[in-house]
C-alpha cells in the first residue's frame, strides 16, 4: 500500500513549492508585524500610555479568540464552492486584511487640539534628572502661546502644557499695523537661571513702544 502510494505520487515542482510558501509568507507579514511592532508603535510613536495600549490589545485579542475566530471558522466549514471551503476566504479577504493592517498603524487625532502640532525656538535644559523644553507653540494649542514639555531621556516627551500666553494676556497694545504679521506673540524664549532654577523668561515680540521687535522679560514665580 505504501509502495503504491509512493510510486503513484507526483513530485511538486519548485514553482509549486514557492507558490505554497508565499501564501504563508503573506499572512505572516501581517501577523508577525502586528505581534512584534504594534505595542511599540502604540506607546513610543502614537504616544499611548502602556496601560491603555495593553487594554486595547487585550480587548481585541479576547474578541478575536472567543467571538470573531469561531464565527469565521464555522462559516468556512459550511462554505461550498468550486474552489473548496477555504480558498474563497483566502482570495476574497486578502485585500480587506491589507486595508485593516494599514488602519492598525493609522494615527487619527481624536482630541480638540490642532492637527498641525509643531513648535519652534526651543530652549532645552536639565532639571532634577529630567529634560525640559520651552518653545513657541505652532499648532498644538494655537500660534500665540508658549509650551512646556519634559522627558526622562529626551526621546519620548510628555504632552505639552502652556508655559506662557500671548501678549494680550499681559499687556494692552494698540491694533497692529498692516506690515506686522506676527504681532502680539512672544518668540525666542530663553531662560535665566538663579541657583539652578529658572528665574526669568526672556522673549521677543513684534509690537512694543516702537512697533518693531521688542524684548519682554518675565519673572518666574
Protein backbone atom coordinates (compact mmCIF):
# COMPACT_ATOMS: atom_id res chain seq x y z
CA UNK A 1 0.00 0.00 0.00
CA UNK A 2 2.73 2.38 0.94
CA UNK A 3 4.84 1.42 -2.06
CA UNK A 4 1.92 2.05 -4.43
CA UNK A 5 1.21 5.40 -2.85
CA UNK A 6 4.81 6.49 -3.13
CA UNK A 7 5.11 5.21 -6.68
CA UNK A 8 1.94 6.98 -7.75
CA UNK A 9 2.73 10.24 -6.04
CA UNK A 10 3.58 13.35 -8.01
CA UNK A 11 6.67 15.36 -7.20
CA UNK A 12 5.99 19.04 -6.56
CA UNK A 13 7.80 21.50 -8.77
CA UNK A 14 9.88 24.35 -7.39
CA UNK A 15 7.26 26.83 -8.61
CA UNK A 16 4.52 24.99 -6.71
CA UNK A 17 6.60 24.94 -3.53
CA UNK A 18 7.32 28.66 -3.84
CA UNK A 19 3.66 29.42 -4.52
CA UNK A 20 2.56 27.41 -1.47
CA UNK A 21 5.08 29.14 0.80
CA UNK A 22 4.16 32.61 -0.45
CA UNK A 23 0.64 32.15 0.92
CA UNK A 24 2.02 31.60 4.40
CA UNK A 25 4.54 34.42 3.95
CA UNK A 26 1.81 36.92 3.10
CA UNK A 27 -0.20 36.07 6.20
CA UNK A 28 2.83 36.17 8.49
CA UNK A 29 3.98 39.53 7.15
CA UNK A 30 0.79 40.91 8.68
CA UNK A 31 0.54 38.75 11.80
CA UNK A 32 4.19 38.94 12.87
CA UNK A 33 4.33 42.68 12.22
CA UNK A 34 1.32 43.17 14.45
CA UNK A 35 2.73 40.87 17.13
CA UNK A 36 6.24 42.35 17.27
CA UNK A 37 5.78 46.03 16.38
CA UNK A 38 2.27 47.14 17.29
CA UNK A 39 2.88 47.57 21.03
CA UNK A 40 5.99 49.68 20.36
CA UNK A 41 4.08 51.75 17.80
CA UNK A 42 1.23 52.47 20.20
CA UNK A 43 3.47 53.56 23.09
CA UNK A 44 6.58 55.10 21.55
CA UNK A 45 5.20 56.59 18.32
CA UNK A 46 1.47 57.18 18.79
CA UNK A 47 2.07 58.17 22.42
CA UNK A 48 -0.44 55.98 24.26
CA UNK A 49 0.16 55.14 27.88
CA UNK A 50 1.33 51.49 28.24
CA UNK A 51 -1.74 50.62 30.32
CA UNK A 52 -4.08 51.96 27.62
CA UNK A 53 -2.21 50.12 24.85
CA UNK A 54 -2.39 46.91 26.91
CA UNK A 55 -6.15 47.26 27.40
CA UNK A 56 -6.68 47.80 23.66
CA UNK A 57 -4.60 44.77 22.64
CA UNK A 58 -6.12 42.53 25.34
CA UNK A 59 -9.68 43.54 24.41
CA UNK A 60 -9.14 42.97 20.70
CA UNK A 61 -7.43 39.65 21.39
CA UNK A 62 -10.30 38.39 23.53
CA UNK A 63 -12.89 39.46 20.96
CA UNK A 64 -10.95 37.67 18.22
CA UNK A 65 -10.37 34.49 20.28
CA UNK A 66 -13.90 34.00 21.62
CA UNK A 67 -16.01 35.83 19.07
CA UNK A 68 -14.58 36.52 15.65
CA UNK A 69 -12.41 33.42 15.09
CA UNK A 70 -15.09 30.81 15.98
CA UNK A 71 -17.66 32.56 13.78
CA UNK A 72 -15.33 32.74 10.76
CA UNK A 73 -14.25 29.13 11.32
CA UNK A 74 -17.86 27.97 11.38
CA UNK A 75 -18.66 29.91 8.22
CA UNK A 76 -15.62 28.49 6.44
CA UNK A 77 -16.57 24.92 7.42
CA UNK A 78 -20.02 25.46 5.89
CA UNK A 79 -18.71 27.04 2.69
CA UNK A 80 -19.35 25.10 -0.53
CA UNK A 81 -17.84 26.40 -3.76
CA UNK A 82 -16.00 25.23 -6.84
CA UNK A 83 -12.78 26.40 -5.16
CA UNK A 84 -13.41 24.42 -1.98
CA UNK A 85 -14.04 25.58 1.57
CA UNK A 86 -11.14 27.88 2.38
CA UNK A 87 -9.82 29.19 -0.93
CA UNK A 88 -12.67 31.74 -1.31
CA UNK A 89 -11.91 33.15 2.14
CA UNK A 90 -8.20 33.42 1.37
CA UNK A 91 -8.88 35.01 -2.02
CA UNK A 92 -11.61 37.49 -1.13
CA UNK A 93 -10.32 38.61 2.28
CA UNK A 94 -6.75 39.37 1.17
CA UNK A 95 -7.46 43.00 0.29
CA UNK A 96 -9.62 43.71 3.40
CA UNK A 97 -6.85 42.20 5.55
CA UNK A 98 -4.27 44.51 3.97
CA UNK A 99 -6.50 47.56 4.49
CA UNK A 100 -7.16 46.64 8.14
CA UNK A 101 -3.43 46.11 8.73
CA UNK A 102 -2.74 49.62 7.44
CA UNK A 103 -5.51 51.06 9.61
CA UNK A 104 -3.92 49.44 12.67
CA UNK A 105 -0.98 51.82 12.21
CA UNK A 106 -3.04 54.92 11.43
CA UNK A 107 -2.92 57.77 13.92
CA UNK A 108 -6.24 59.64 14.00
CA UNK A 109 -6.44 62.73 16.17
CA UNK A 110 -9.50 62.47 18.45
CA UNK A 111 -8.54 65.46 20.57
CA UNK A 112 -9.81 69.02 20.30
CA UNK A 113 -6.27 70.27 19.69
CA UNK A 114 -4.97 71.39 16.33
CA UNK A 115 -3.65 68.82 13.88
CA UNK A 116 -0.64 70.93 12.85
CA UNK A 117 1.32 70.16 16.01
CA UNK A 118 4.64 71.91 15.58
CA UNK A 119 6.82 74.24 17.63
CA UNK A 120 9.87 76.42 17.14
CA UNK A 121 12.51 78.36 19.10
CA UNK A 122 13.05 75.55 21.61
CA UNK A 123 15.12 76.15 24.76
CA UNK A 124 16.18 72.89 26.46
CA UNK A 125 17.67 72.33 29.91
CA UNK A 126 18.03 69.62 32.54
CA UNK A 127 16.47 69.96 35.98
CA UNK A 128 16.02 67.35 38.72
CA UNK A 129 17.05 64.46 36.45
CA UNK A 130 14.51 65.46 33.81
CA UNK A 131 15.00 67.15 30.46
CA UNK A 132 12.69 70.12 29.97
CA UNK A 133 11.86 72.24 26.96
CA UNK A 134 10.14 75.57 26.47
CA UNK A 135 9.17 76.67 22.96
CA UNK A 136 6.68 78.68 20.95
CA UNK A 137 3.56 76.77 20.00
CA UNK A 138 2.80 76.38 16.31
CA UNK A 139 -0.46 74.46 16.34
CA UNK A 140 -0.90 72.23 19.37
CA UNK A 141 -2.93 74.82 21.27
CA UNK A 142 -2.63 77.78 18.91
CA UNK A 143 0.06 80.01 17.40
CA UNK A 144 0.35 82.54 20.22
CA UNK A 145 1.15 80.64 23.42
CA UNK A 146 4.36 79.07 24.63
CA UNK A 147 4.53 75.39 25.54
CA UNK A 148 6.44 73.45 28.20
CA UNK A 149 7.36 69.76 27.89
CA UNK A 150 9.51 67.35 29.86
CA UNK A 151 11.12 63.97 29.28
CA UNK A 152 13.11 61.37 31.20
CA UNK A 153 15.61 60.68 28.44
CA UNK A 154 14.85 63.12 25.60
CA UNK A 155 13.29 60.51 23.29
CA UNK A 156 9.68 60.47 24.47
CA UNK A 157 8.13 63.69 25.73
CA UNK A 158 5.05 64.35 27.83
CA UNK A 159 2.15 66.22 26.27
CA UNK A 160 2.76 69.99 26.11
CA UNK A 161 1.46 72.33 28.78
CA UNK A 162 1.03 76.06 28.37
CA UNK A 163 4.16 77.87 29.57
CA UNK A 164 3.04 81.42 28.77
CA UNK A 165 0.21 83.09 26.87
CA UNK A 166 0.09 85.62 24.08
CA UNK A 167 0.76 89.28 24.73
CA UNK A 168 -2.93 90.12 25.16
CA UNK A 169 -2.93 88.26 28.50
CA UNK A 170 -0.32 90.59 29.99
CA UNK A 171 -0.38 93.94 28.21
CA UNK A 172 -2.71 96.13 26.19
CA UNK A 173 -1.46 97.29 22.82
CA UNK A 174 -3.00 99.34 20.02
CA UNK A 175 -4.26 97.48 16.94
CA UNK A 176 -1.37 96.09 14.86
CA UNK A 177 -0.25 97.97 11.76
CA UNK A 178 -0.67 96.17 8.45
CA UNK A 179 3.05 95.47 7.99
CA UNK A 180 3.32 93.40 11.20
CA UNK A 181 2.26 89.79 10.59
CA UNK A 182 3.35 88.27 13.92
CA UNK A 183 2.00 90.90 16.25
CA UNK A 184 1.41 90.11 19.90
CA UNK A 185 3.06 86.72 20.25
CA UNK A 186 6.21 86.02 22.24
CA UNK A 187 9.01 84.27 20.38
CA UNK A 188 12.61 83.13 21.03
CA UNK A 189 12.02 82.10 24.68
CA UNK A 190 15.19 81.85 26.76
CA UNK A 191 15.68 81.35 30.48
CA UNK A 192 17.98 82.90 33.06
CA UNK A 193 18.79 80.57 35.95
CA UNK A 194 19.46 81.53 39.55
CA UNK A 195 20.69 78.85 41.96
CA UNK A 196 19.98 76.17 39.36
CA UNK A 197 16.34 77.12 38.81
CA UNK A 198 14.63 79.14 36.06
CA UNK A 199 14.15 82.68 37.38
CA UNK A 200 13.47 84.90 34.34
CA UNK A 201 11.99 84.31 30.91
CA UNK A 202 13.32 86.43 28.04
CA UNK A 203 11.21 86.71 24.87
CA UNK A 204 10.84 88.92 21.82
CA UNK A 205 7.65 90.10 20.16
CA UNK A 206 6.51 92.39 17.39
CA UNK A 207 4.93 95.47 18.91
CA UNK A 208 6.01 97.47 21.90
CA UNK A 209 6.81 101.16 22.01
CA UNK A 210 8.41 101.33 18.55
CA UNK A 211 6.22 98.71 16.83
CA UNK A 212 9.23 96.59 15.94
CA UNK A 213 10.84 93.58 17.59
CA UNK A 214 10.78 94.37 21.29
CA UNK A 215 12.09 92.47 24.29
CA UNK A 216 9.81 91.26 27.08
CA UNK A 217 11.12 89.84 30.35
CA UNK A 218 9.01 87.79 32.76
CA UNK A 219 9.88 86.93 36.32
CA UNK A 220 9.08 83.29 37.02
CA UNK A 221 7.23 82.85 40.32
